[in-house]
Amino acid sequence: MSQYDSGAGPPDEYVEAEIHRLLAEDPAVAEQGITVVRRESTLVLQGEVESPHRRAEILRRVSERFPDVPIMTDIGVIRTQAPTQIEQLP
C-alpha cells in the first residue's frame, strides 16, 4: 500500500494535486491540459494530447507513481496533421 492509499476509501484531493503536479513538472510529460476528475473510487484523466504514444506515456507515468490508485483515461488524441480534404462550407 502506498502513502497515497489508506484503503479506507477513494483517493482524496491530495492525490489529485500530486497527479496534476506530476503531469506539469515531469520533463517527460510536461502536460498542463490534462485534468483529474474523481468518479467514485477512481480518478479519471481527461483532456487531449497529440499522439497515442503521448497518451500511453502519461498513463504509464501516473500508474507507476500511484500504483495503488485506480486510474482510468479519457484522453483523446487531436489531429496534428493538415487536413487531406477541402472543407466545404455551406
PDB file of N, CA and C in Angstrom:
ATOM      1  N   MET A   1       0.843  -1.173   0.000  1.00  0.00           N
ATOM      2  CA  MET A   1       0.000   0.000   0.000  1.00  0.00           C
ATOM      3  C   MET A   1       0.890   1.239   0.000  1.00  0.00           C
ATOM      4  N   SER A   2       0.604   2.211  -0.849  1.00  0.00           N
ATOM      5  CA  SER A   2       1.422   3.420  -0.930  1.00  0.00           C
ATOM      6  C   SER A   2       0.957   4.438   0.090  1.00  0.00           C
ATOM      7  N   GLN A   3       1.731   5.505   0.236  1.00  0.00           N
ATOM      8  CA  GLN A   3       1.369   6.574   1.162  1.00  0.00           C
ATOM      9  C   GLN A   3       0.107   7.295   0.720  1.00  0.00           C
ATOM     10  N   TYR A   4      -0.338   7.099  -0.517  1.00  0.00           N
ATOM     11  CA  TYR A   4      -1.496   7.798  -1.043  1.00  0.00           C
ATOM     12  C   TYR A   4      -2.772   6.995  -0.936  1.00  0.00           C
ATOM     13  N   ASP A   5      -2.674   5.751  -0.494  1.00  0.00           N
ATOM     14  CA  ASP A   5      -3.854   4.905  -0.457  1.00  0.00           C
ATOM     15  C   ASP A   5      -3.984   4.313   0.931  1.00  0.00           C
ATOM     16  N   SER A   6      -4.954   4.771   1.691  1.00  0.00           N
ATOM     17  CA  SER A   6      -5.162   4.252   3.036  1.00  0.00           C
ATOM     18  C   SER A   6      -6.030   3.004   3.028  1.00  0.00           C
ATOM     19  N   GLY A   7      -6.629   2.692   1.871  1.00  0.00           N
ATOM     20  CA  GLY A   7      -7.515   1.551   1.793  1.00  0.00           C
ATOM     21  C   GLY A   7      -8.880   1.846   2.382  1.00  0.00           C
ATOM     22  N   ALA A   8      -9.105   3.074   2.879  1.00  0.00           N
ATOM     23  CA  ALA A   8     -10.346   3.422   3.552  1.00  0.00           C
ATOM     24  C   ALA A   8     -11.362   4.069   2.632  1.00  0.00           C
ATOM     25  N   GLY A   9     -11.027   4.295   1.386  1.00  0.00           N
ATOM     26  CA  GLY A   9     -11.982   4.940   0.506  1.00  0.00           C
ATOM     27  C   GLY A   9     -11.314   5.443  -0.747  1.00  0.00           C
ATOM     28  N   PRO A  10     -12.026   6.299  -1.468  1.00  0.00           N
ATOM     29  CA  PRO A  10     -11.496   6.797  -2.735  1.00  0.00           C
ATOM     30  C   PRO A  10     -10.314   7.735  -2.524  1.00  0.00           C
ATOM     31  N   PRO A  11      -9.513   7.947  -3.560  1.00  0.00           N
ATOM     32  CA  PRO A  11      -8.387   8.877  -3.470  1.00  0.00           C
ATOM     33  C   PRO A  11      -8.897  10.270  -3.118  1.00  0.00           C
ATOM     34  N   ASP A  12      -8.103  11.028  -2.381  1.00  0.00           N
ATOM     35  CA  ASP A  12      -8.540  12.358  -1.968  1.00  0.00           C
ATOM     36  C   ASP A  12      -7.921  13.446  -2.840  1.00  0.00           C
ATOM     37  N   GLU A  13      -8.198  14.697  -2.491  1.00  0.00           N
ATOM     38  CA  GLU A  13      -7.731  15.824  -3.298  1.00  0.00           C
ATOM     39  C   GLU A  13      -6.214  15.955  -3.296  1.00  0.00           C
ATOM     40  N   TYR A  14      -5.528  15.387  -2.293  1.00  0.00           N
ATOM     41  CA  TYR A  14      -4.072  15.441  -2.285  1.00  0.00           C
ATOM     42  C   TYR A  14      -3.495  14.588  -3.422  1.00  0.00           C
ATOM     43  N   VAL A  15      -4.103  13.448  -3.655  1.00  0.00           N
ATOM     44  CA  VAL A  15      -3.656  12.594  -4.760  1.00  0.00           C
ATOM     45  C   VAL A  15      -3.910  13.309  -6.085  1.00  0.00           C
ATOM     46  N   GLU A  16      -5.068  13.934  -6.217  1.00  0.00           N
ATOM     47  CA  GLU A  16      -5.381  14.683  -7.433  1.00  0.00           C
ATOM     48  C   GLU A  16      -4.335  15.773  -7.667  1.00  0.00           C
ATOM     49  N   ALA A  17      -3.982  16.497  -6.615  1.00  0.00           N
ATOM     50  CA  ALA A  17      -2.982  17.568  -6.732  1.00  0.00           C
ATOM     51  C   ALA A  17      -1.614  17.009  -7.094  1.00  0.00           C
ATOM     52  N   GLU A  18      -1.252  15.877  -6.521  1.00  0.00           N
ATOM     53  CA  GLU A  18       0.032  15.245  -6.840  1.00  0.00           C
ATOM     54  C   GLU A  18       0.088  14.811  -8.304  1.00  0.00           C
ATOM     55  N   ILE A  19      -1.022  14.299  -8.817  1.00  0.00           N
ATOM     56  CA  ILE A  19      -1.060  13.887 -10.225  1.00  0.00           C
ATOM     57  C   ILE A  19      -0.945  15.117 -11.130  1.00  0.00           C
ATOM     58  N   HIS A  20      -1.654  16.190 -10.790  1.00  0.00           N
ATOM     59  CA  HIS A  20      -1.524  17.434 -11.565  1.00  0.00           C
ATOM     60  C   HIS A  20      -0.073  17.903 -11.575  1.00  0.00           C
ATOM     61  N   ARG A  21       0.574  17.856 -10.418  1.00  0.00           N
ATOM     62  CA  ARG A  21       1.967  18.289 -10.314  1.00  0.00           C
ATOM     63  C   ARG A  21       2.879  17.399 -11.156  1.00  0.00           C
ATOM     64  N   LEU A  22       2.662  16.086 -11.089  1.00  0.00           N
ATOM     65  CA  LEU A  22       3.455  15.149 -11.889  1.00  0.00           C
ATOM     66  C   LEU A  22       3.310  15.457 -13.375  1.00  0.00           C
ATOM     67  N   LEU A  23       2.076  15.650 -13.834  1.00  0.00           N
ATOM     68  CA  LEU A  23       1.844  15.908 -15.256  1.00  0.00           C
ATOM     69  C   LEU A  23       2.473  17.222 -15.703  1.00  0.00           C
ATOM     70  N   ALA A  24       2.470  18.224 -14.855  1.00  0.00           N
ATOM     71  CA  ALA A  24       3.012  19.533 -15.238  1.00  0.00           C
ATOM     72  C   ALA A  24       4.524  19.608 -15.093  1.00  0.00           C
ATOM     73  N   GLU A  25       5.090  18.946 -14.078  1.00  0.00           N
ATOM     74  CA  GLU A  25       6.505  19.132 -13.766  1.00  0.00           C
ATOM     75  C   GLU A  25       7.434  18.047 -14.283  1.00  0.00           C
ATOM     76  N   ASP A  26       6.932  16.886 -14.600  1.00  0.00           N
ATOM     77  CA  ASP A  26       7.782  15.814 -15.126  1.00  0.00           C
ATOM     78  C   ASP A  26       8.217  16.210 -16.526  1.00  0.00           C
ATOM     79  N   PRO A  27       9.541  16.356 -16.762  1.00  0.00           N
ATOM     80  CA  PRO A  27      10.005  16.811 -18.075  1.00  0.00           C
ATOM     81  C   PRO A  27       9.613  15.880 -19.228  1.00  0.00           C
ATOM     82  N   ALA A  28       9.389  14.614 -18.944  1.00  0.00           N
ATOM     83  CA  ALA A  28       8.988  13.679 -19.998  1.00  0.00           C
ATOM     84  C   ALA A  28       7.519  13.837 -20.362  1.00  0.00           C
ATOM     85  N   VAL A  29       6.751  14.523 -19.514  1.00  0.00           N
ATOM     86  CA  VAL A  29       5.326  14.704 -19.759  1.00  0.00           C
ATOM     87  C   VAL A  29       5.011  16.172 -20.022  1.00  0.00           C
ATOM     88  N   ALA A  30       5.296  17.029 -19.052  1.00  0.00           N
ATOM     89  CA  ALA A  30       5.072  18.484 -19.154  1.00  0.00           C
ATOM     90  C   ALA A  30       3.730  18.820 -19.797  1.00  0.00           C
ATOM     91  N   GLU A  31       2.690  18.252 -19.248  1.00  0.00           N
ATOM     92  CA  GLU A  31       1.347  18.396 -19.813  1.00  0.00           C
ATOM     93  C   GLU A  31       0.446  19.124 -18.824  1.00  0.00           C
ATOM     94  N   GLN A  32      -0.036  20.301 -19.199  1.00  0.00           N
ATOM     95  CA  GLN A  32      -0.895  21.075 -18.314  1.00  0.00           C
ATOM     96  C   GLN A  32      -2.365  20.994 -18.721  1.00  0.00           C
ATOM     97  N   GLY A  33      -2.656  20.409 -19.860  1.00  0.00           N
ATOM     98  CA  GLY A  33      -4.024  20.355 -20.357  1.00  0.00           C
ATOM     99  C   GLY A  33      -4.815  19.135 -19.913  1.00  0.00           C
ATOM    100  N   ILE A  34      -4.260  18.338 -19.023  1.00  0.00           N
ATOM    101  CA  ILE A  34      -4.947  17.145 -18.543  1.00  0.00           C
ATOM    102  C   ILE A  34      -5.568  17.457 -17.182  1.00  0.00           C
ATOM    103  N   THR A  35      -6.834  17.133 -17.024  1.00  0.00           N
ATOM    104  CA  THR A  35      -7.490  17.324 -15.736  1.00  0.00           C
ATOM    105  C   THR A  35      -7.700  15.977 -15.069  1.00  0.00           C
ATOM    106  N   VAL A  36      -7.841  16.018 -13.757  1.00  0.00           N
ATOM    107  CA  VAL A  36      -8.074  14.812 -12.973  1.00  0.00           C
ATOM    108  C   VAL A  36      -9.433  14.971 -12.311  1.00  0.00           C
ATOM    109  N   VAL A  37     -10.328  14.024 -12.586  1.00  0.00           N
ATOM    110  CA  VAL A  37     -11.685  14.071 -12.061  1.00  0.00           C
ATOM    111  C   VAL A  37     -11.933  12.802 -11.252  1.00  0.00           C
ATOM    112  N   ARG A  38     -12.495  12.958 -10.080  1.00  0.00           N
ATOM    113  CA  ARG A  38     -12.797  11.809  -9.234  1.00  0.00           C
ATOM    114  C   ARG A  38     -14.177  11.272  -9.588  1.00  0.00           C
ATOM    115  N   ARG A  39     -14.256   9.975  -9.863  1.00  0.00           N
ATOM    116  CA  ARG A  39     -15.527   9.284 -10.108  1.00  0.00           C
ATOM    117  C   ARG A  39     -15.565   8.081  -9.184  1.00  0.00           C
ATOM    118  N   GLU A  40     -16.339   8.216  -8.122  1.00  0.00           N
ATOM    119  CA  GLU A  40     -16.418   7.190  -7.089  1.00  0.00           C
ATOM    120  C   GLU A  40     -15.023   6.902  -6.554  1.00  0.00           C
ATOM    121  N   SER A  41     -14.510   5.694  -6.711  1.00  0.00           N
ATOM    122  CA  SER A  41     -13.193   5.361  -6.162  1.00  0.00           C
ATOM    123  C   SER A  41     -12.092   5.388  -7.216  1.00  0.00           C
ATOM    124  N   THR A  42     -12.378   5.985  -8.367  1.00  0.00           N
ATOM    125  CA  THR A  42     -11.418   6.020  -9.471  1.00  0.00           C
ATOM    126  C   THR A  42     -11.109   7.461  -9.850  1.00  0.00           C
ATOM    127  N   LEU A  43      -9.870   7.715 -10.236  1.00  0.00           N
ATOM    128  CA  LEU A  43      -9.506   9.015 -10.786  1.00  0.00           C
ATOM    129  C   LEU A  43      -9.442   8.885 -12.301  1.00  0.00           C
ATOM    130  N   VAL A  44     -10.075   9.832 -12.990  1.00  0.00           N
ATOM    131  CA  VAL A  44     -10.133   9.805 -14.444  1.00  0.00           C
ATOM    132  C   VAL A  44      -9.295  10.950 -14.987  1.00  0.00           C
ATOM    133  N   LEU A  45      -8.343  10.621 -15.867  1.00  0.00           N
ATOM    134  CA  LEU A  45      -7.531  11.630 -16.539  1.00  0.00           C
ATOM    135  C   LEU A  45      -8.263  12.030 -17.809  1.00  0.00           C
ATOM    136  N   GLN A  46      -8.519  13.348 -17.972  1.00  0.00           N
ATOM    137  CA  GLN A  46      -9.269  13.831 -19.122  1.00  0.00           C
ATOM    138  C   GLN A  46      -8.487  14.922 -19.833  1.00  0.00           C
ATOM    139  N   GLY A  47      -8.647  14.995 -21.134  1.00  0.00           N
ATOM    140  CA  GLY A  47      -8.016  16.036 -21.929  1.00  0.00           C
ATOM    141  C   GLY A  47      -7.693  15.527 -23.316  1.00  0.00           C
ATOM    142  N   GLU A  48      -6.797  16.246 -23.991  1.00  0.00           N
ATOM    143  CA  GLU A  48      -6.376  15.860 -25.334  1.00  0.00           C
ATOM    144  C   GLU A  48      -4.874  15.996 -25.461  1.00  0.00           C
ATOM    145  N   VAL A  49      -4.284  15.081 -26.197  1.00  0.00           N
ATOM    146  CA  VAL A  49      -2.851  15.104 -26.487  1.00  0.00           C
ATOM    147  C   VAL A  49      -2.659  14.880 -27.986  1.00  0.00           C
ATOM    148  N   GLU A  50      -1.420  15.044 -28.450  1.00  0.00           N
ATOM    149  CA  GLU A  50      -1.190  14.997 -29.892  1.00  0.00           C
ATOM    150  C   GLU A  50      -0.897  13.608 -30.460  1.00  0.00           C
ATOM    151  N   SER A  51      -0.757  12.570 -29.593  1.00  0.00           N
ATOM    152  CA  SER A  51      -0.488  11.245 -30.145  1.00  0.00           C
ATOM    153  C   SER A  51      -0.895  10.142 -29.162  1.00  0.00           C
ATOM    154  N   PRO A  52      -1.192   8.962 -29.700  1.00  0.00           N
ATOM    155  CA  PRO A  52      -1.486   7.821 -28.826  1.00  0.00           C
ATOM    156  C   PRO A  52      -0.291   7.476 -27.931  1.00  0.00           C
ATOM    157  N   HIS A  53       0.927   7.656 -28.456  1.00  0.00           N
ATOM    158  CA  HIS A  53       2.126   7.377 -27.668  1.00  0.00           C
ATOM    159  C   HIS A  53       2.177   8.286 -26.438  1.00  0.00           C
ATOM    160  N   ARG A  54       1.867   9.550 -26.627  1.00  0.00           N
ATOM    161  CA  ARG A  54       1.881  10.509 -25.509  1.00  0.00           C
ATOM    162  C   ARG A  54       0.828  10.136 -24.466  1.00  0.00           C
ATOM    163  N   ARG A  55      -0.349   9.748 -24.923  1.00  0.00           N
ATOM    164  CA  ARG A  55      -1.408   9.314 -24.007  1.00  0.00           C
ATOM    165  C   ARG A  55      -0.936   8.110 -23.189  1.00  0.00           C
ATOM    166  N   ALA A  56      -0.329   7.140 -23.848  1.00  0.00           N
ATOM    167  CA  ALA A  56       0.164   5.946 -23.163  1.00  0.00           C
ATOM    168  C   ALA A  56       1.262   6.297 -22.166  1.00  0.00           C
ATOM    169  N   GLU A  57       2.133   7.224 -22.522  1.00  0.00           N
ATOM    170  CA  GLU A  57       3.223   7.630 -21.630  1.00  0.00           C
ATOM    171  C   GLU A  57       2.672   8.324 -20.379  1.00  0.00           C
ATOM    172  N   ILE A  58       1.666   9.161 -20.540  1.00  0.00           N
ATOM    173  CA  ILE A  58       1.049   9.832 -19.391  1.00  0.00           C
ATOM    174  C   ILE A  58       0.438   8.792 -18.458  1.00  0.00           C
ATOM    175  N   LEU A  59      -0.317   7.861 -19.003  1.00  0.00           N
ATOM    176  CA  LEU A  59      -0.944   6.834 -18.185  1.00  0.00           C
ATOM    177  C   LEU A  59       0.109   5.964 -17.496  1.00  0.00           C
ATOM    178  N   ARG A  60       1.180   5.636 -18.202  1.00  0.00           N
ATOM    179  CA  ARG A  60       2.252   4.821 -17.623  1.00  0.00           C
ATOM    180  C   ARG A  60       2.902   5.533 -16.445  1.00  0.00           C
ATOM    181  N   ARG A  61       3.229   6.808 -16.634  1.00  0.00           N
ATOM    182  CA  ARG A  61       3.890   7.580 -15.567  1.00  0.00           C
ATOM    183  C   ARG A  61       3.007   7.704 -14.333  1.00  0.00           C
ATOM    184  N   VAL A  62       1.733   8.001 -14.533  1.00  0.00           N
ATOM    185  CA  VAL A  62       0.819   8.152 -13.404  1.00  0.00           C
ATOM    186  C   VAL A  62       0.633   6.807 -12.699  1.00  0.00           C
ATOM    187  N   SER A  63       0.469   5.735 -13.447  1.00  0.00           N
ATOM    188  CA  SER A  63       0.284   4.406 -12.859  1.00  0.00           C
ATOM    189  C   SER A  63       1.512   3.946 -12.086  1.00  0.00           C
ATOM    190  N   GLU A  64       2.701   4.282 -12.589  1.00  0.00           N
ATOM    191  CA  GLU A  64       3.936   3.921 -11.876  1.00  0.00           C
ATOM    192  C   GLU A  64       4.054   4.682 -10.560  1.00  0.00           C
ATOM    193  N   ARG A  65       3.722   5.957 -10.583  1.00  0.00           N
ATOM    194  CA  ARG A  65       3.864   6.801  -9.387  1.00  0.00           C
ATOM    195  C   ARG A  65       2.800   6.497  -8.354  1.00  0.00           C
ATOM    196  N   PHE A  66       1.606   6.129  -8.787  1.00  0.00           N
ATOM    197  CA  PHE A  66       0.485   5.853  -7.894  1.00  0.00           C
ATOM    198  C   PHE A  66      -0.077   4.459  -8.180  1.00  0.00           C
ATOM    199  N   PRO A  67       0.685   3.408  -7.874  1.00  0.00           N
ATOM    200  CA  PRO A  67       0.265   2.055  -8.260  1.00  0.00           C
ATOM    201  C   PRO A  67      -0.996   1.561  -7.549  1.00  0.00           C
ATOM    202  N   ASP A  68      -1.325   2.115  -6.393  1.00  0.00           N
ATOM    203  CA  ASP A  68      -2.480   1.645  -5.636  1.00  0.00           C
ATOM    204  C   ASP A  68      -3.741   2.468  -5.884  1.00  0.00           C
ATOM    205  N   VAL A  69      -3.646   3.448  -6.781  1.00  0.00           N
ATOM    206  CA  VAL A  69      -4.786   4.320  -7.060  1.00  0.00           C
ATOM    207  C   VAL A  69      -5.420   3.883  -8.380  1.00  0.00           C
ATOM    208  N   PRO A  70      -6.725   3.572  -8.372  1.00  0.00           N
ATOM    209  CA  PRO A  70      -7.390   3.194  -9.626  1.00  0.00           C
ATOM    210  C   PRO A  70      -7.454   4.399 -10.577  1.00  0.00           C
ATOM    211  N   ILE A  71      -6.883   4.244 -11.765  1.00  0.00           N
ATOM    212  CA  ILE A  71      -6.807   5.320 -12.753  1.00  0.00           C
ATOM    213  C   ILE A  71      -7.469   4.851 -14.042  1.00  0.00           C
ATOM    214  N   MET A  72      -8.286   5.730 -14.620  1.00  0.00           N
ATOM    215  CA  MET A  72      -8.853   5.498 -15.950  1.00  0.00           C
ATOM    216  C   MET A  72      -8.433   6.666 -16.825  1.00  0.00           C
ATOM    217  N   THR A  73      -8.429   6.453 -18.117  1.00  0.00           N
ATOM    218  CA  THR A  73      -8.074   7.543 -19.017  1.00  0.00           C
ATOM    219  C   THR A  73      -9.220   7.860 -19.972  1.00  0.00           C
ATOM    220  N   ASP A  74      -9.463   9.146 -20.102  1.00  0.00           N
ATOM    221  CA  ASP A  74     -10.423   9.662 -21.072  1.00  0.00           C
ATOM    222  C   ASP A  74      -9.693  10.755 -21.853  1.00  0.00           C
ATOM    223  N   ILE A  75      -8.488  10.406 -22.300  1.00  0.00           N
ATOM    224  CA  ILE A  75      -7.632  11.352 -23.018  1.00  0.00           C
ATOM    225  C   ILE A  75      -7.768  11.073 -24.504  1.00  0.00           C
ATOM    226  N   GLY A  76      -8.224  12.076 -25.235  1.00  0.00           N
ATOM    227  CA  GLY A  76      -8.375  11.952 -26.678  1.00  0.00           C
ATOM    228  C   GLY A  76      -7.110  12.373 -27.402  1.00  0.00           C
ATOM    229  N   VAL A  77      -7.030  11.988 -28.656  1.00  0.00           N
ATOM    230  CA  VAL A  77      -5.893  12.355 -29.497  1.00  0.00           C
ATOM    231  C   VAL A  77      -6.385  13.362 -30.532  1.00  0.00           C
ATOM    232  N   ILE A  78      -5.760  14.535 -30.551  1.00  0.00           N
ATOM    233  CA  ILE A  78      -6.150  15.560 -31.519  1.00  0.00           C
ATOM    234  C   ILE A  78      -5.366  15.378 -32.805  1.00  0.00           C
ATOM    235  N   ARG A  79      -5.951  15.803 -33.895  1.00  0.00           N
ATOM    236  CA  ARG A  79      -5.289  15.691 -35.192  1.00  0.00           C
ATOM    237  C   ARG A  79      -4.254  16.813 -35.291  1.00  0.00           C
ATOM    238  N   THR A  80      -3.013  16.447 -35.596  1.00  0.00           N
ATOM    239  CA  THR A  80      -1.957  17.451 -35.711  1.00  0.00           C
ATOM    240  C   THR A  80      -1.488  17.644 -37.145  1.00  0.00           C
ATOM    241  N   GLN A  81      -1.924  16.777 -38.062  1.00  0.00           N
ATOM    242  CA  GLN A  81      -1.545  16.930 -39.454  1.00  0.00           C
ATOM    243  C   GLN A  81      -2.557  17.834 -40.154  1.00  0.00           C
ATOM    244  N   ALA A  82      -2.139  18.409 -41.240  1.00  0.00           N
ATOM    245  CA  ALA A  82      -3.044  19.226 -42.048  1.00  0.00           C
ATOM    246  C   ALA A  82      -4.123  18.331 -42.633  1.00  0.00           C
ATOM    247  N   PRO A  83      -5.331  18.849 -42.805  1.00  0.00           N
ATOM    248  CA  PRO A  83      -6.381  18.040 -43.408  1.00  0.00           C
ATOM    249  C   PRO A  83      -6.023  17.631 -44.828  1.00  0.00           C
ATOM    250  N   THR A  84      -6.505  16.466 -45.225  1.00  0.00           N
ATOM    251  CA  THR A  84      -6.210  15.967 -46.567  1.00  0.00           C
ATOM    252  C   THR A  84      -7.322  16.290 -47.539  1.00  0.00           C
ATOM    253  N   GLN A  85      -8.461  16.774 -47.026  1.00  0.00           N
ATOM    254  CA  GLN A  85      -9.583  17.126 -47.888  1.00  0.00           C
ATOM    255  C   GLN A  85      -9.966  18.572 -47.648  1.00  0.00           C
ATOM    256  N   ILE A  86     -10.563  19.175 -48.638  1.00  0.00           N
ATOM    257  CA  ILE A  86     -11.033  20.549 -48.524  1.00  0.00           C
ATOM    258  C   ILE A  86     -12.358  20.547 -47.774  1.00  0.00           C
ATOM    259  N   GLU A  87     -12.464  21.426 -46.794  1.00  0.00           N
ATOM    260  CA  GLU A  87     -13.714  21.530 -46.057  1.00  0.00           C
ATOM    261  C   GLU A  87     -14.695  22.391 -46.836  1.00  0.00           C
ATOM    262  N   GLN A  88     -15.870  21.852 -47.092  1.00  0.00           N
ATOM    263  CA  GLN A  88     -16.914  22.571 -47.827  1.00  0.00           C
ATOM    264  C   GLN A  88     -17.818  23.279 -46.829  1.00  0.00           C
ATOM    265  N   LEU A  89     -17.871  24.598 -46.921  1.00  0.00           N
ATOM    266  CA  LEU A  89     -18.740  25.377 -46.051  1.00  0.00           C
ATOM    267  C   LEU A  89     -20.048  25.668 -46.770  1.00  0.00           C
ATOM    268  N   PRO A  90     -21.175  25.715 -46.035  1.00  0.00           N
ATOM    269  CA  PRO A  90     -22.469  25.969 -46.683  1.00  0.00           C
ATOM    270  C   PRO A  90     -22.577  27.381 -47.220  1.00  0.00           C
TER     271      PRO A  90
END
